[in-house]
């Protein structure tokens, strides 16, 4: 099973893709909102599954929904490790 942090990074990228898909939003705003809610729920679930101890910076970013910063931190940690 993939590492929870990798799944979280993937979900954060999916969220960015949904947000940036202006064509999808223009075509079907309700479905766009539904997709955004789905990926946000996935992020919240993965956040709860993170193994302890969670990096305090990552916890801070996730709790405050600073998802771009959380993804940057995960990506930089992956490059280092």
PDB file of N, CA and C in Angstrom:
ATOM      1  N   UNK A   1       0.845  -1.194   0.000  1.00  0.00           N
ATOM      2  CA  UNK A   1       0.000   0.000   0.000  1.00  0.00           C
ATOM      3  C   UNK A   1       0.879   1.243   0.000  1.00  0.00           C
ATOM      4  N   UNK A   2       0.546   2.215  -0.826  1.00  0.00           N
ATOM      5  CA  UNK A   2       1.386   3.411  -0.894  1.00  0.00           C
ATOM      6  C   UNK A   2       1.419   4.171   0.430  1.00  0.00           C
ATOM      7  N   UNK A   3       2.487   4.864   0.635  1.00  0.00           N
ATOM      8  CA  UNK A   3       2.691   5.689   1.807  1.00  0.00           C
ATOM      9  C   UNK A   3       1.606   6.771   1.875  1.00  0.00           C
ATOM     10  N   UNK A   4       1.069   7.013   3.064  1.00  0.00           N
ATOM     11  CA  UNK A   4       0.005   8.003   3.248  1.00  0.00           C
ATOM     12  C   UNK A   4       0.450   9.379   2.786  1.00  0.00           C
ATOM     13  N   UNK A   5       1.708   9.724   3.016  1.00  0.00           N
ATOM     14  CA  UNK A   5       2.170  11.049   2.595  1.00  0.00           C
ATOM     15  C   UNK A   5       2.180  11.168   1.069  1.00  0.00           C
ATOM     16  N   UNK A   6       2.479  10.070   0.377  1.00  0.00           N
ATOM     17  CA  UNK A   6       2.436  10.104  -1.090  1.00  0.00           C
ATOM     18  C   UNK A   6       1.000  10.252  -1.582  1.00  0.00           C
ATOM     19  N   UNK A   7       0.081   9.549  -0.931  1.00  0.00           N
ATOM     20  CA  UNK A   7      -1.335   9.675  -1.286  1.00  0.00           C
ATOM     21  C   UNK A   7      -1.838  11.085  -1.003  1.00  0.00           C
ATOM     22  N   UNK A   8      -1.382  11.671   0.102  1.00  0.00           N
ATOM     23  CA  UNK A   8      -1.778  13.030   0.443  1.00  0.00           C
ATOM     24  C   UNK A   8      -1.249  14.015  -0.600  1.00  0.00           C
ATOM     25  N   UNK A   9      -0.004  13.878  -0.983  1.00  0.00           N
ATOM     26  CA  UNK A   9       0.558  14.760  -2.008  1.00  0.00           C
ATOM     27  C   UNK A   9      -0.224  14.623  -3.317  1.00  0.00           C
ATOM     28  N   UNK A  10      -0.579  13.410  -3.666  1.00  0.00           N
ATOM     29  CA  UNK A  10      -1.364  13.181  -4.877  1.00  0.00           C
ATOM     30  C   UNK A  10      -2.735  13.853  -4.781  1.00  0.00           C
ATOM     31  N   UNK A  11      -3.380  13.744  -3.631  1.00  0.00           N
ATOM     32  CA  UNK A  11      -4.691  14.370  -3.435  1.00  0.00           C
ATOM     33  C   UNK A  11      -4.574  15.897  -3.500  1.00  0.00           C
ATOM     34  N   UNK A  12      -3.504  16.430  -2.950  1.00  0.00           N
ATOM     35  CA  UNK A  12      -3.296  17.881  -3.014  1.00  0.00           C
ATOM     36  C   UNK A  12      -3.106  18.342  -4.453  1.00  0.00           C
ATOM     37  N   UNK A  13      -2.399  17.532  -5.253  1.00  0.00           N
ATOM     38  CA  UNK A  13      -2.238  17.853  -6.681  1.00  0.00           C
ATOM     39  C   UNK A  13      -3.586  17.757  -7.409  1.00  0.00           C
ATOM     40  N   UNK A  14      -4.366  16.735  -7.065  1.00  0.00           N
ATOM     41  CA  UNK A  14      -5.694  16.596  -7.668  1.00  0.00           C
ATOM     42  C   UNK A  14      -6.547  17.824  -7.366  1.00  0.00           C
ATOM     43  N   UNK A  15      -6.464  18.323  -6.155  1.00  0.00           N
ATOM     44  CA  UNK A  15      -7.219  19.516  -5.765  1.00  0.00           C
ATOM     45  C   UNK A  15      -6.818  20.709  -6.637  1.00  0.00           C
ATOM     46  N   UNK A  16      -5.529  20.876  -6.847  1.00  0.00           N
ATOM     47  CA  UNK A  16      -5.062  21.973  -7.703  1.00  0.00           C
ATOM     48  C   UNK A  16      -5.582  21.824  -9.131  1.00  0.00           C
ATOM     49  N   UNK A  17      -5.606  20.581  -9.630  1.00  0.00           N
ATOM     50  CA  UNK A  17      -6.117  20.341 -10.985  1.00  0.00           C
ATOM     51  C   UNK A  17      -7.598  20.698 -11.083  1.00  0.00           C
ATOM     52  N   UNK A  18      -8.363  20.308 -10.088  1.00  0.00           N
ATOM     53  CA  UNK A  18      -9.799  20.619 -10.103  1.00  0.00           C
ATOM     54  C   UNK A  18     -10.003  22.133 -10.069  1.00  0.00           C
ATOM     55  N   UNK A  19      -9.311  22.790  -9.160  1.00  0.00           N
ATOM     56  CA  UNK A  19      -9.466  24.245  -9.032  1.00  0.00           C
ATOM     57  C   UNK A  19      -9.109  24.955 -10.323  1.00  0.00           C
ATOM     58  N   UNK A  20      -8.071  24.515 -10.979  1.00  0.00           N
ATOM     59  CA  UNK A  20      -7.598  25.219 -12.179  1.00  0.00           C
ATOM     60  C   UNK A  20      -8.376  24.864 -13.446  1.00  0.00           C
ATOM     61  N   UNK A  21      -9.261  23.885 -13.367  1.00  0.00           N
ATOM     62  CA  UNK A  21     -10.022  23.464 -14.546  1.00  0.00           C
ATOM     63  C   UNK A  21     -11.215  24.391 -14.766  1.00  0.00           C
ATOM     64  N   UNK A  22     -10.957  25.541 -15.341  1.00  0.00           N
ATOM     65  CA  UNK A  22     -11.983  26.558 -15.564  1.00  0.00           C
ATOM     66  C   UNK A  22     -13.020  26.104 -16.585  1.00  0.00           C
ATOM     67  N   UNK A  23     -12.609  25.280 -17.529  1.00  0.00           N
ATOM     68  CA  UNK A  23     -13.549  24.765 -18.523  1.00  0.00           C
ATOM     69  C   UNK A  23     -14.599  23.870 -17.842  1.00  0.00           C
ATOM     70  N   UNK A  24     -14.146  23.009 -16.949  1.00  0.00           N
ATOM     71  CA  UNK A  24     -15.048  22.155 -16.189  1.00  0.00           C
ATOM     72  C   UNK A  24     -16.029  23.014 -15.382  1.00  0.00           C
ATOM     73  N   UNK A  25     -15.502  24.039 -14.724  1.00  0.00           N
ATOM     74  CA  UNK A  25     -16.350  24.930 -13.924  1.00  0.00           C
ATOM     75  C   UNK A  25     -17.391  25.625 -14.799  1.00  0.00           C
ATOM     76  N   UNK A  26     -16.967  26.111 -15.952  1.00  0.00           N
ATOM     77  CA  UNK A  26     -17.886  26.820 -16.850  1.00  0.00           C
ATOM     78  C   UNK A  26     -18.959  25.880 -17.402  1.00  0.00           C
ATOM     79  N   UNK A  27     -18.561  24.642 -17.671  1.00  0.00           N
ATOM     80  CA  UNK A  27     -19.474  23.660 -18.256  1.00  0.00           C
ATOM     81  C   UNK A  27     -20.489  23.139 -17.243  1.00  0.00           C
ATOM     82  N   UNK A  28     -20.026  22.895 -16.007  1.00  0.00           N
ATOM     83  CA  UNK A  28     -20.910  22.280 -15.007  1.00  0.00           C
ATOM     84  C   UNK A  28     -20.454  22.681 -13.605  1.00  0.00           C
ATOM     85  N   UNK A  29     -20.857  23.875 -13.140  1.00  0.00           N
ATOM     86  CA  UNK A  29     -20.410  24.352 -11.826  1.00  0.00           C
ATOM     87  C   UNK A  29     -20.747  23.401 -10.678  1.00  0.00           C
ATOM     88  N   UNK A  30     -21.907  22.750 -10.737  1.00  0.00           N
ATOM     89  CA  UNK A  30     -22.293  21.837  -9.653  1.00  0.00           C
ATOM     90  C   UNK A  30     -21.370  20.621  -9.601  1.00  0.00           C
ATOM     91  N   UNK A  31     -21.046  20.069 -10.741  1.00  0.00           N
ATOM     92  CA  UNK A  31     -20.137  18.921 -10.786  1.00  0.00           C
ATOM     93  C   UNK A  31     -18.723  19.334 -10.369  1.00  0.00           C
ATOM     94  N   UNK A  32     -18.333  20.537 -10.758  1.00  0.00           N
ATOM     95  CA  UNK A  32     -17.020  21.055 -10.371  1.00  0.00           C
ATOM     96  C   UNK A  32     -16.939  21.163  -8.850  1.00  0.00           C
ATOM     97  N   UNK A  33     -17.981  21.727  -8.244  1.00  0.00           N
ATOM     98  CA  UNK A  33     -18.021  21.850  -6.788  1.00  0.00           C
ATOM     99  C   UNK A  33     -18.024  20.469  -6.130  1.00  0.00           C
ATOM    100  N   UNK A  34     -18.747  19.543  -6.700  1.00  0.00           N
ATOM    101  CA  UNK A  34     -18.775  18.179  -6.177  1.00  0.00           C
ATOM    102  C   UNK A  34     -17.390  17.544  -6.225  1.00  0.00           C
ATOM    103  N   UNK A  35     -16.681  17.734  -7.322  1.00  0.00           N
ATOM    104  CA  UNK A  35     -15.327  17.189  -7.450  1.00  0.00           C
ATOM    105  C   UNK A  35     -14.390  17.825  -6.422  1.00  0.00           C
ATOM    106  N   UNK A  36     -14.554  19.122  -6.202  1.00  0.00           N
ATOM    107  CA  UNK A  36     -13.728  19.809  -5.219  1.00  0.00           C
ATOM    108  C   UNK A  36     -14.030  19.293  -3.809  1.00  0.00           C
ATOM    109  N   UNK A  37     -15.294  19.077  -3.506  1.00  0.00           N
ATOM    110  CA  UNK A  37     -15.666  18.528  -2.197  1.00  0.00           C
ATOM    111  C   UNK A  37     -15.118  17.120  -2.008  1.00  0.00           C
ATOM    112  N   UNK A  38     -15.156  16.317  -3.067  1.00  0.00           N
ATOM    113  CA  UNK A  38     -14.653  14.944  -2.981  1.00  0.00           C
ATOM    114  C   UNK A  38     -13.160  14.928  -2.677  1.00  0.00           C
ATOM    115  N   UNK A  39     -12.401  15.720  -3.399  1.00  0.00           N
ATOM    116  CA  UNK A  39     -10.955  15.716  -3.179  1.00  0.00           C
ATOM    117  C   UNK A  39     -10.623  16.345  -1.830  1.00  0.00           C
ATOM    118  N   UNK A  40     -11.383  17.321  -1.397  1.00  0.00           N
ATOM    119  CA  UNK A  40     -11.153  17.922  -0.076  1.00  0.00           C
ATOM    120  C   UNK A  40     -11.426  16.901   1.027  1.00  0.00           C
ATOM    121  N   UNK A  41     -12.458  16.098   0.861  1.00  0.00           N
ATOM    122  CA  UNK A  41     -12.745  15.035   1.821  1.00  0.00           C
ATOM    123  C   UNK A  41     -11.635  14.007   1.869  1.00  0.00           C
ATOM    124  N   UNK A  42     -11.094  13.684   0.698  1.00  0.00           N
ATOM    125  CA  UNK A  42      -9.975  12.733   0.637  1.00  0.00           C
ATOM    126  C   UNK A  42      -8.762  13.297   1.372  1.00  0.00           C
ATOM    127  N   UNK A  43      -8.496  14.588   1.189  1.00  0.00           N
ATOM    128  CA  UNK A  43      -7.371  15.228   1.879  1.00  0.00           C
ATOM    129  C   UNK A  43      -7.568  15.155   3.389  1.00  0.00           C
ATOM    130  N   UNK A  44      -8.767  15.473   3.852  1.00  0.00           N
ATOM    131  CA  UNK A  44      -9.049  15.427   5.291  1.00  0.00           C
ATOM    132  C   UNK A  44      -8.879  14.015   5.848  1.00  0.00           C
ATOM    133  N   UNK A  45      -9.343  13.013   5.100  1.00  0.00           N
ATOM    134  CA  UNK A  45      -9.209  11.627   5.553  1.00  0.00           C
ATOM    135  C   UNK A  45      -7.737  11.220   5.619  1.00  0.00           C
ATOM    136  N   UNK A  46      -6.976  11.555   4.610  1.00  0.00           N
ATOM    137  CA  UNK A  46      -5.547  11.217   4.606  1.00  0.00           C
ATOM    138  C   UNK A  46      -4.808  11.958   5.715  1.00  0.00           C
ATOM    139  N   UNK A  47      -5.226  13.176   5.988  1.00  0.00           N
ATOM    140  CA  UNK A  47      -4.627  13.940   7.079  1.00  0.00           C
ATOM    141  C   UNK A  47      -4.795  13.192   8.404  1.00  0.00           C
ATOM    142  N   UNK A  48      -5.965  12.610   8.627  1.00  0.00           N
ATOM    143  CA  UNK A  48      -6.224  11.842   9.851  1.00  0.00           C
ATOM    144  C   UNK A  48      -5.395  10.548   9.897  1.00  0.00           C
ATOM    145  N   UNK A  49      -5.012  10.040   8.741  1.00  0.00           N
ATOM    146  CA  UNK A  49      -4.276   8.769   8.679  1.00  0.00           C
ATOM    147  C   UNK A  49      -2.760   8.934   8.745  1.00  0.00           C
ATOM    148  N   UNK A  50      -2.276  10.174   8.760  1.00  0.00           N
ATOM    149  CA  UNK A  50      -0.831  10.378   8.792  1.00  0.00           C
ATOM    150  C   UNK A  50      -0.239   9.740  10.042  1.00  0.00           C
ATOM    151  N   UNK A  51       0.860   9.022   9.873  1.00  0.00           N
ATOM    152  CA  UNK A  51       1.492   8.393  11.041  1.00  0.00           C
ATOM    153  C   UNK A  51       2.148   9.455  11.935  1.00  0.00           C
ATOM    154  N   UNK A  52       2.039   9.228  13.215  1.00  0.00           N
ATOM    155  CA  UNK A  52       2.685  10.122  14.184  1.00  0.00           C
ATOM    156  C   UNK A  52       4.161   9.790  14.263  1.00  0.00           C
ATOM    157  N   UNK A  53       5.002  10.719  14.557  1.00  0.00           N
ATOM    158  CA  UNK A  53       4.718  12.139  14.716  1.00  0.00           C
ATOM    159  C   UNK A  53       4.622  12.819  13.349  1.00  0.00           C
ATOM    160  N   UNK A  54       3.685  13.730  13.224  1.00  0.00           N
ATOM    161  CA  UNK A  54       3.522  14.512  11.996  1.00  0.00           C
ATOM    162  C   UNK A  54       4.386  15.754  12.123  1.00  0.00           C
ATOM    163  N   UNK A  55       5.107  16.055  11.046  1.00  0.00           N
ATOM    164  CA  UNK A  55       5.909  17.275  11.009  1.00  0.00           C
ATOM    165  C   UNK A  55       5.028  18.448  11.451  1.00  0.00           C
ATOM    166  N   UNK A  56       5.463  19.226  12.440  1.00  0.00           N
ATOM    167  CA  UNK A  56       4.634  20.326  12.944  1.00  0.00           C
ATOM    168  C   UNK A  56       4.267  21.349  11.862  1.00  0.00           C
ATOM    169  N   UNK A  57       5.183  21.556  10.913  1.00  0.00           N
ATOM    170  CA  UNK A  57       4.877  22.506   9.830  1.00  0.00           C
ATOM    171  C   UNK A  57       3.767  21.947   8.944  1.00  0.00           C
ATOM    172  N   UNK A  58       3.838  20.654   8.633  1.00  0.00           N
ATOM    173  CA  UNK A  58       2.807  20.033   7.812  1.00  0.00           C
ATOM    174  C   UNK A  58       1.464  20.081   8.530  1.00  0.00           C
ATOM    175  N   UNK A  59       1.456  19.748   9.810  1.00  0.00           N
ATOM    176  CA  UNK A  59       0.219  19.800  10.595  1.00  0.00           C
ATOM    177  C   UNK A  59      -0.370  21.208  10.555  1.00  0.00           C
ATOM    178  N   UNK A  60       0.487  22.199  10.752  1.00  0.00           N
ATOM    179  CA  UNK A  60       0.053  23.600  10.721  1.00  0.00           C
ATOM    180  C   UNK A  60      -0.583  23.952   9.377  1.00  0.00           C
ATOM    181  N   UNK A  61       0.087  23.612   8.291  1.00  0.00           N
ATOM    182  CA  UNK A  61      -0.432  23.936   6.957  1.00  0.00           C
ATOM    183  C   UNK A  61      -1.763  23.235   6.686  1.00  0.00           C
ATOM    184  N   UNK A  62      -1.859  21.972   7.052  1.00  0.00           N
ATOM    185  CA  UNK A  62      -3.087  21.223   6.805  1.00  0.00           C
ATOM    186  C   UNK A  62      -4.245  21.730   7.667  1.00  0.00           C
ATOM    187  N   UNK A  63      -3.968  22.019   8.926  1.00  0.00           N
ATOM    188  CA  UNK A  63      -5.030  22.512   9.805  1.00  0.00           C
ATOM    189  C   UNK A  63      -5.577  23.859   9.329  1.00  0.00           C
ATOM    190  N   UNK A  64      -4.746  24.652   8.689  1.00  0.00           N
ATOM    191  CA  UNK A  64      -5.166  25.962   8.219  1.00  0.00           C
ATOM    192  C   UNK A  64      -5.525  25.976   6.732  1.00  0.00           C
ATOM    193  N   UNK A  65      -5.607  24.773   6.165  1.00  0.00           N
ATOM    194  CA  UNK A  65      -5.952  24.602   4.746  1.00  0.00           C
ATOM    195  C   UNK A  65      -5.007  25.362   3.821  1.00  0.00           C
ATOM    196  N   UNK A  66      -3.742  25.461   4.226  1.00  0.00           N
ATOM    197  CA  UNK A  66      -2.706  26.047   3.381  1.00  0.00           C
ATOM    198  C   UNK A  66      -2.125  24.917   2.536  1.00  0.00           C
ATOM    199  N   UNK A  67      -2.967  24.428   1.627  1.00  0.00           N
ATOM    200  CA  UNK A  67      -2.633  23.209   0.897  1.00  0.00           C
ATOM    201  C   UNK A  67      -1.467  23.382  -0.072  1.00  0.00           C
ATOM    202  N   UNK A  68      -1.292  24.561  -0.643  1.00  0.00           N
ATOM    203  CA  UNK A  68      -0.139  24.780  -1.525  1.00  0.00           C
ATOM    204  C   UNK A  68       1.159  24.650  -0.731  1.00  0.00           C
ATOM    205  N   UNK A  69       1.170  25.224   0.464  1.00  0.00           N
ATOM    206  CA  UNK A  69       2.357  25.144   1.316  1.00  0.00           C
ATOM    207  C   UNK A  69       2.591  23.705   1.779  1.00  0.00           C
ATOM    208  N   UNK A  70       1.515  22.992   2.091  1.00  0.00           N
ATOM    209  CA  UNK A  70       1.647  21.595   2.498  1.00  0.00           C
ATOM    210  C   UNK A  70       2.259  20.768   1.365  1.00  0.00           C
ATOM    211  N   UNK A  71       1.783  20.991   0.148  1.00  0.00           N
ATOM    212  CA  UNK A  71       2.321  20.252  -0.993  1.00  0.00           C
ATOM    213  C   UNK A  71       3.781  20.604  -1.236  1.00  0.00           C
ATOM    214  N   UNK A  72       4.129  21.874  -1.127  1.00  0.00           N
ATOM    215  CA  UNK A  72       5.535  22.280  -1.284  1.00  0.00           C
ATOM    216  C   UNK A  72       6.418  21.574  -0.262  1.00  0.00           C
ATOM    217  N   UNK A  73       5.936  21.500   0.981  1.00  0.00           N
ATOM    218  CA  UNK A  73       6.703  20.847   2.039  1.00  0.00           C
ATOM    219  C   UNK A  73       6.863  19.355   1.747  1.00  0.00           C
ATOM    220  N   UNK A  74       5.770  18.699   1.336  1.00  0.00           N
ATOM    221  CA  UNK A  74       5.853  17.276   1.020  1.00  0.00           C
ATOM    222  C   UNK A  74       6.793  17.025  -0.151  1.00  0.00           C
ATOM    223  N   UNK A  75       6.715  17.876  -1.169  1.00  0.00           N
ATOM    224  CA  UNK A  75       7.588  17.706  -2.338  1.00  0.00           C
ATOM    225  C   UNK A  75       9.052  17.919  -1.959  1.00  0.00           C
ATOM    226  N   UNK A  76       9.326  18.913  -1.144  1.00  0.00           N
ATOM    227  CA  UNK A  76      10.724  19.156  -0.758  1.00  0.00           C
ATOM    228  C   UNK A  76      11.249  18.042   0.142  1.00  0.00           C
ATOM    229  N   UNK A  77      10.377  17.494   0.988  1.00  0.00           N
ATOM    230  CA  UNK A  77      10.780  16.364   1.844  1.00  0.00           C
ATOM    231  C   UNK A  77      11.068  15.125   1.009  1.00  0.00           C
ATOM    232  N   UNK A  78      10.281  14.915  -0.039  1.00  0.00           N
ATOM    233  CA  UNK A  78      10.494  13.758  -0.917  1.00  0.00           C
ATOM    234  C   UNK A  78      11.823  13.871  -1.653  1.00  0.00           C
ATOM    235  N   UNK A  79      12.179  15.081  -2.051  1.00  0.00           N
ATOM    236  CA  UNK A  79      13.438  15.287  -2.767  1.00  0.00           C
ATOM    237  C   UNK A  79      14.631  15.059  -1.840  1.00  0.00           C
ATOM    238  N   UNK A  80      14.481  15.420  -0.559  1.00  0.00           N
ATOM    239  CA  UNK A  80      15.561  15.261   0.409  1.00  0.00           C
ATOM    240  C   UNK A  80      15.745  13.814   0.839  1.00  0.00           C
ATOM    241  N   UNK A  81      14.616  13.085   0.897  1.00  0.00           N
ATOM    242  CA  UNK A  81      14.662  11.732   1.440  1.00  0.00           C
ATOM    243  C   UNK A  81      14.690  10.735   0.379  1.00  0.00           C
TER     244      UNK A  81
END
